[in-house]
């Protein structure tokens, strides 16, 4: 059985690019929600540092690989490079769950 893949991605927008990035990511999320095997794809904006932080979960590495080759992901990457979206290279962290819980507010 393949193991779930957990990813945290940290993007540091270049000056003046935050809103453009967020607008593109909102559009991308509407497409990601239709990808099979994507369990979580949440994007946060950290006001203090300006970072954009993704928390992603995939059923397995093959699903992550498929996600990274989708037209919308590739298009975002090309636009990011062409328009100088980032102040530094995005940071990716691949995490192994040790322990924890996840609850939905509707289940409380």
N, C-alpha and C. Protein backbone atom coordinates (compact mmCIF):
# COMPACT_ATOMS: atom_id res chain seq x y z
N UNK A 1 0.83 -1.18 0.00
CA UNK A 1 0.00 0.00 0.00
C UNK A 1 0.88 1.25 0.00
N UNK A 2 0.53 2.22 -0.80
CA UNK A 2 1.28 3.47 -0.86
C UNK A 2 0.98 4.32 0.37
N UNK A 3 1.94 5.14 0.72
CA UNK A 3 1.81 5.97 1.90
C UNK A 3 1.35 7.38 1.55
N UNK A 4 0.48 7.93 2.38
CA UNK A 4 0.00 9.30 2.20
C UNK A 4 1.18 10.26 2.18
N UNK A 5 1.09 11.30 1.35
CA UNK A 5 2.13 12.31 1.25
C UNK A 5 1.58 13.62 1.80
N UNK A 6 2.32 14.21 2.74
CA UNK A 6 1.96 15.47 3.38
C UNK A 6 3.00 16.51 3.01
N UNK A 7 2.55 17.64 2.51
CA UNK A 7 3.47 18.67 2.04
C UNK A 7 3.09 20.02 2.65
N UNK A 8 4.12 20.75 3.07
CA UNK A 8 3.96 22.16 3.40
C UNK A 8 4.85 22.91 2.43
N UNK A 9 4.26 23.84 1.70
CA UNK A 9 5.03 24.66 0.76
C UNK A 9 4.94 26.11 1.23
N UNK A 10 6.09 26.77 1.24
CA UNK A 10 6.15 28.16 1.70
C UNK A 10 6.66 29.02 0.55
N UNK A 11 5.82 29.96 0.14
CA UNK A 11 6.16 30.89 -0.94
C UNK A 11 6.37 32.28 -0.35
N UNK A 12 7.42 32.94 -0.79
CA UNK A 12 7.70 34.31 -0.37
C UNK A 12 7.51 35.22 -1.57
N UNK A 13 6.39 35.92 -1.65
CA UNK A 13 6.13 36.78 -2.80
C UNK A 13 7.13 37.93 -2.91
N UNK A 14 7.46 38.27 -4.14
CA UNK A 14 8.24 39.47 -4.40
C UNK A 14 7.35 40.68 -4.10
N UNK A 15 7.97 41.80 -3.84
CA UNK A 15 7.22 43.01 -3.51
C UNK A 15 6.19 43.34 -4.60
N UNK A 16 4.96 43.57 -4.16
CA UNK A 16 3.90 43.94 -5.09
C UNK A 16 3.25 42.79 -5.83
N UNK A 17 3.64 41.55 -5.53
CA UNK A 17 3.10 40.39 -6.27
C UNK A 17 2.08 39.57 -5.48
N UNK A 18 1.90 39.86 -4.21
CA UNK A 18 1.05 39.02 -3.35
C UNK A 18 -0.36 38.87 -3.90
N UNK A 19 -1.02 39.95 -4.22
CA UNK A 19 -2.42 39.87 -4.67
C UNK A 19 -2.55 39.10 -5.97
N UNK A 20 -1.64 39.29 -6.89
CA UNK A 20 -1.66 38.56 -8.16
C UNK A 20 -1.51 37.06 -7.90
N UNK A 21 -0.57 36.70 -7.02
CA UNK A 21 -0.36 35.29 -6.69
C UNK A 21 -1.62 34.71 -6.07
N UNK A 22 -2.18 35.39 -5.09
CA UNK A 22 -3.38 34.89 -4.41
C UNK A 22 -4.54 34.73 -5.39
N UNK A 23 -4.73 35.67 -6.29
CA UNK A 23 -5.79 35.55 -7.30
C UNK A 23 -5.59 34.31 -8.16
N UNK A 24 -4.37 34.08 -8.59
CA UNK A 24 -4.09 32.90 -9.42
C UNK A 24 -4.30 31.61 -8.63
N UNK A 25 -3.92 31.62 -7.36
CA UNK A 25 -4.08 30.42 -6.53
C UNK A 25 -5.54 30.12 -6.25
N UNK A 26 -6.35 31.14 -6.07
CA UNK A 26 -7.79 30.92 -5.87
C UNK A 26 -8.38 30.21 -7.09
N UNK A 27 -7.96 30.62 -8.27
CA UNK A 27 -8.41 29.96 -9.49
C UNK A 27 -7.90 28.52 -9.55
N UNK A 28 -6.64 28.33 -9.16
CA UNK A 28 -6.06 26.99 -9.22
C UNK A 28 -6.78 26.03 -8.27
N UNK A 29 -7.16 26.50 -7.08
CA UNK A 29 -7.84 25.64 -6.12
C UNK A 29 -9.14 25.09 -6.69
N UNK A 30 -9.85 25.88 -7.48
CA UNK A 30 -11.09 25.38 -8.08
C UNK A 30 -10.82 24.21 -9.03
N UNK A 31 -9.63 24.17 -9.59
CA UNK A 31 -9.26 23.06 -10.47
C UNK A 31 -8.71 21.88 -9.68
N UNK A 32 -7.95 22.17 -8.64
CA UNK A 32 -7.36 21.11 -7.81
C UNK A 32 -8.45 20.29 -7.12
N UNK A 33 -9.56 20.93 -6.76
CA UNK A 33 -10.61 20.19 -6.06
C UNK A 33 -11.19 19.05 -6.90
N UNK A 34 -10.97 19.09 -8.20
CA UNK A 34 -11.45 18.02 -9.08
C UNK A 34 -10.40 16.94 -9.34
N UNK A 35 -9.20 17.11 -8.77
CA UNK A 35 -8.16 16.10 -8.95
C UNK A 35 -8.40 14.92 -8.01
N UNK A 36 -8.36 13.73 -8.56
CA UNK A 36 -8.53 12.53 -7.76
C UNK A 36 -7.32 12.33 -6.84
N UNK A 37 -7.58 11.97 -5.59
CA UNK A 37 -6.50 11.64 -4.67
C UNK A 37 -5.93 12.81 -3.89
N UNK A 38 -6.43 14.02 -4.14
CA UNK A 38 -5.99 15.17 -3.35
C UNK A 38 -6.91 15.25 -2.13
N UNK A 39 -6.34 15.03 -0.96
CA UNK A 39 -7.12 15.01 0.27
C UNK A 39 -7.27 16.38 0.91
N UNK A 40 -6.25 17.21 0.75
CA UNK A 40 -6.27 18.56 1.34
C UNK A 40 -5.40 19.46 0.48
N UNK A 41 -5.87 20.68 0.27
CA UNK A 41 -5.10 21.66 -0.50
C UNK A 41 -5.53 23.03 0.01
N UNK A 42 -4.98 23.42 1.15
CA UNK A 42 -5.34 24.67 1.80
C UNK A 42 -4.21 25.67 1.63
N UNK A 43 -4.58 26.92 1.37
CA UNK A 43 -3.59 27.97 1.16
C UNK A 43 -3.87 29.09 2.16
N UNK A 44 -2.82 29.49 2.87
CA UNK A 44 -2.92 30.51 3.90
C UNK A 44 -1.99 31.67 3.57
N UNK A 45 -2.34 32.86 4.04
CA UNK A 45 -1.47 34.03 3.89
C UNK A 45 -1.07 34.47 5.30
N UNK A 46 0.22 34.48 5.55
CA UNK A 46 0.74 34.91 6.85
C UNK A 46 1.00 36.41 6.78
N UNK A 47 0.16 37.18 7.43
CA UNK A 47 0.20 38.64 7.30
C UNK A 47 1.54 39.24 7.73
N UNK A 48 2.11 38.74 8.81
CA UNK A 48 3.33 39.35 9.36
C UNK A 48 4.52 39.22 8.41
N UNK A 49 4.72 38.03 7.85
CA UNK A 49 5.88 37.80 6.97
C UNK A 49 5.53 37.97 5.50
N UNK A 50 4.23 37.92 5.19
CA UNK A 50 3.80 37.99 3.80
C UNK A 50 3.84 36.66 3.08
N UNK A 51 4.30 35.62 3.77
CA UNK A 51 4.42 34.30 3.13
C UNK A 51 3.05 33.73 2.78
N UNK A 52 3.03 32.94 1.73
CA UNK A 52 1.86 32.16 1.35
C UNK A 52 2.22 30.71 1.64
N UNK A 53 1.40 30.06 2.46
CA UNK A 53 1.72 28.73 2.95
C UNK A 53 0.64 27.75 2.52
N UNK A 54 1.08 26.67 1.89
CA UNK A 54 0.19 25.59 1.45
C UNK A 54 0.29 24.45 2.46
N UNK A 55 -0.83 23.83 2.77
CA UNK A 55 -0.85 22.56 3.48
C UNK A 55 -1.58 21.60 2.56
N UNK A 56 -0.85 20.57 2.14
CA UNK A 56 -1.36 19.65 1.12
C UNK A 56 -1.25 18.21 1.60
N UNK A 57 -2.24 17.41 1.25
CA UNK A 57 -2.22 15.97 1.53
C UNK A 57 -2.68 15.23 0.28
N UNK A 58 -1.94 14.19 -0.05
CA UNK A 58 -2.23 13.36 -1.22
C UNK A 58 -2.28 11.90 -0.79
N UNK A 59 -3.09 11.10 -1.47
CA UNK A 59 -3.19 9.69 -1.09
C UNK A 59 -1.87 8.96 -1.27
N UNK A 60 -1.04 9.41 -2.21
CA UNK A 60 0.26 8.78 -2.43
C UNK A 60 1.14 9.68 -3.30
N UNK A 61 2.39 9.27 -3.49
CA UNK A 61 3.33 10.08 -4.26
C UNK A 61 2.90 10.20 -5.72
N UNK A 62 2.30 9.16 -6.27
CA UNK A 62 1.84 9.22 -7.66
C UNK A 62 0.81 10.34 -7.85
N UNK A 63 -0.05 10.52 -6.86
CA UNK A 63 -1.05 11.59 -6.93
C UNK A 63 -0.38 12.96 -6.89
N UNK A 64 0.63 13.12 -6.04
CA UNK A 64 1.39 14.38 -6.00
C UNK A 64 2.06 14.62 -7.35
N UNK A 65 2.68 13.59 -7.90
CA UNK A 65 3.34 13.73 -9.20
C UNK A 65 2.35 14.14 -10.29
N UNK A 66 1.17 13.53 -10.26
CA UNK A 66 0.13 13.88 -11.23
C UNK A 66 -0.29 15.34 -11.06
N UNK A 67 -0.48 15.75 -9.81
CA UNK A 67 -0.85 17.15 -9.53
C UNK A 67 0.19 18.11 -10.11
N UNK A 68 1.45 17.79 -9.92
CA UNK A 68 2.52 18.68 -10.36
C UNK A 68 2.68 18.72 -11.87
N UNK A 69 2.01 17.83 -12.58
CA UNK A 69 2.09 17.84 -14.04
C UNK A 69 0.79 18.32 -14.69
N UNK A 70 -0.19 18.73 -13.88
CA UNK A 70 -1.45 19.22 -14.45
C UNK A 70 -1.21 20.55 -15.16
N UNK A 71 -2.03 20.85 -16.17
CA UNK A 71 -1.87 22.12 -16.89
C UNK A 71 -1.93 23.35 -15.98
N UNK A 72 -2.83 23.34 -14.99
CA UNK A 72 -2.94 24.52 -14.12
C UNK A 72 -1.72 24.70 -13.22
N UNK A 73 -1.11 23.61 -12.78
CA UNK A 73 0.11 23.72 -11.97
C UNK A 73 1.28 24.20 -12.82
N UNK A 74 1.42 23.61 -14.00
CA UNK A 74 2.50 24.00 -14.91
C UNK A 74 2.35 25.46 -15.33
N UNK A 75 1.12 25.87 -15.63
CA UNK A 75 0.85 27.26 -16.03
C UNK A 75 1.23 28.23 -14.92
N UNK A 76 0.88 27.90 -13.68
CA UNK A 76 1.24 28.76 -12.56
C UNK A 76 2.76 28.88 -12.44
N UNK A 77 3.46 27.76 -12.56
CA UNK A 77 4.92 27.78 -12.48
C UNK A 77 5.56 28.64 -13.55
N UNK A 78 5.04 28.54 -14.77
CA UNK A 78 5.57 29.35 -15.87
C UNK A 78 5.31 30.84 -15.62
N UNK A 79 4.10 31.17 -15.19
CA UNK A 79 3.77 32.57 -14.91
C UNK A 79 4.63 33.11 -13.77
N UNK A 80 4.83 32.29 -12.75
CA UNK A 80 5.64 32.72 -11.61
C UNK A 80 7.06 33.07 -12.03
N UNK A 81 7.63 32.24 -12.90
CA UNK A 81 8.98 32.51 -13.39
C UNK A 81 9.04 33.72 -14.29
N UNK A 82 8.08 33.81 -15.20
CA UNK A 82 8.08 34.90 -16.18
C UNK A 82 7.83 36.26 -15.54
N UNK A 83 6.99 36.27 -14.50
CA UNK A 83 6.61 37.53 -13.88
C UNK A 83 7.38 37.84 -12.60
N UNK A 84 8.34 36.97 -12.24
CA UNK A 84 9.15 37.22 -11.04
C UNK A 84 8.31 37.28 -9.78
N UNK A 85 7.44 36.29 -9.59
CA UNK A 85 6.52 36.28 -8.46
C UNK A 85 7.19 36.20 -7.10
N UNK A 86 8.34 35.52 -7.02
CA UNK A 86 8.88 35.18 -5.71
C UNK A 86 10.18 35.89 -5.38
N UNK A 87 10.32 36.27 -4.10
CA UNK A 87 11.54 36.91 -3.61
C UNK A 87 12.65 35.88 -3.43
N UNK A 88 12.25 34.63 -3.23
CA UNK A 88 13.22 33.54 -3.11
C UNK A 88 12.55 32.24 -3.56
N UNK A 89 13.35 31.23 -3.73
CA UNK A 89 12.86 29.93 -4.20
C UNK A 89 11.84 29.37 -3.19
N UNK A 90 10.70 28.85 -3.68
CA UNK A 90 9.73 28.24 -2.77
C UNK A 90 10.37 27.12 -1.95
N UNK A 91 9.94 27.02 -0.69
CA UNK A 91 10.46 26.00 0.22
C UNK A 91 9.41 24.90 0.34
N UNK A 92 9.82 23.65 0.14
CA UNK A 92 8.92 22.51 0.26
C UNK A 92 9.37 21.63 1.42
N UNK A 93 8.41 21.20 2.22
CA UNK A 93 8.69 20.29 3.33
C UNK A 93 7.78 19.08 3.15
N UNK A 94 8.38 17.90 3.11
CA UNK A 94 7.63 16.65 3.02
C UNK A 94 7.61 16.04 4.41
N UNK A 95 6.41 15.86 4.95
CA UNK A 95 6.26 15.51 6.36
C UNK A 95 5.69 14.11 6.54
N UNK A 96 6.15 13.45 7.59
CA UNK A 96 5.61 12.16 8.00
C UNK A 96 4.80 12.39 9.27
N UNK A 97 3.54 12.01 9.23
CA UNK A 97 2.68 12.18 10.39
C UNK A 97 3.16 11.28 11.53
N UNK A 98 3.36 11.87 12.69
CA UNK A 98 3.76 11.13 13.87
C UNK A 98 2.52 10.78 14.69
N UNK A 99 1.69 11.77 14.96
CA UNK A 99 0.44 11.57 15.68
C UNK A 99 -0.40 12.84 15.55
N UNK A 100 -1.65 12.77 15.85
CA UNK A 100 -2.49 13.96 15.80
C UNK A 100 -3.95 13.62 15.57
N UNK A 101 -4.75 14.66 15.46
CA UNK A 101 -6.17 14.51 15.17
C UNK A 101 -6.56 15.56 14.13
N UNK A 102 -7.61 15.29 13.41
CA UNK A 102 -8.21 16.25 12.50
C UNK A 102 -9.71 16.19 12.71
N UNK A 103 -10.30 17.33 12.99
CA UNK A 103 -11.75 17.40 13.18
C UNK A 103 -12.33 18.43 12.24
N UNK A 104 -13.54 18.21 11.85
CA UNK A 104 -14.30 19.19 11.09
C UNK A 104 -15.17 19.95 12.09
N UNK A 105 -15.30 21.25 11.90
CA UNK A 105 -16.13 22.05 12.80
C UNK A 105 -17.57 21.53 12.83
N UNK A 106 -18.01 20.95 11.73
CA UNK A 106 -19.38 20.43 11.68
C UNK A 106 -19.55 19.17 12.53
N UNK A 107 -18.43 18.56 12.95
CA UNK A 107 -18.50 17.35 13.76
C UNK A 107 -18.33 17.63 15.25
N UNK A 108 -18.23 18.88 15.64
CA UNK A 108 -18.03 19.22 17.06
C UNK A 108 -19.33 19.28 17.80
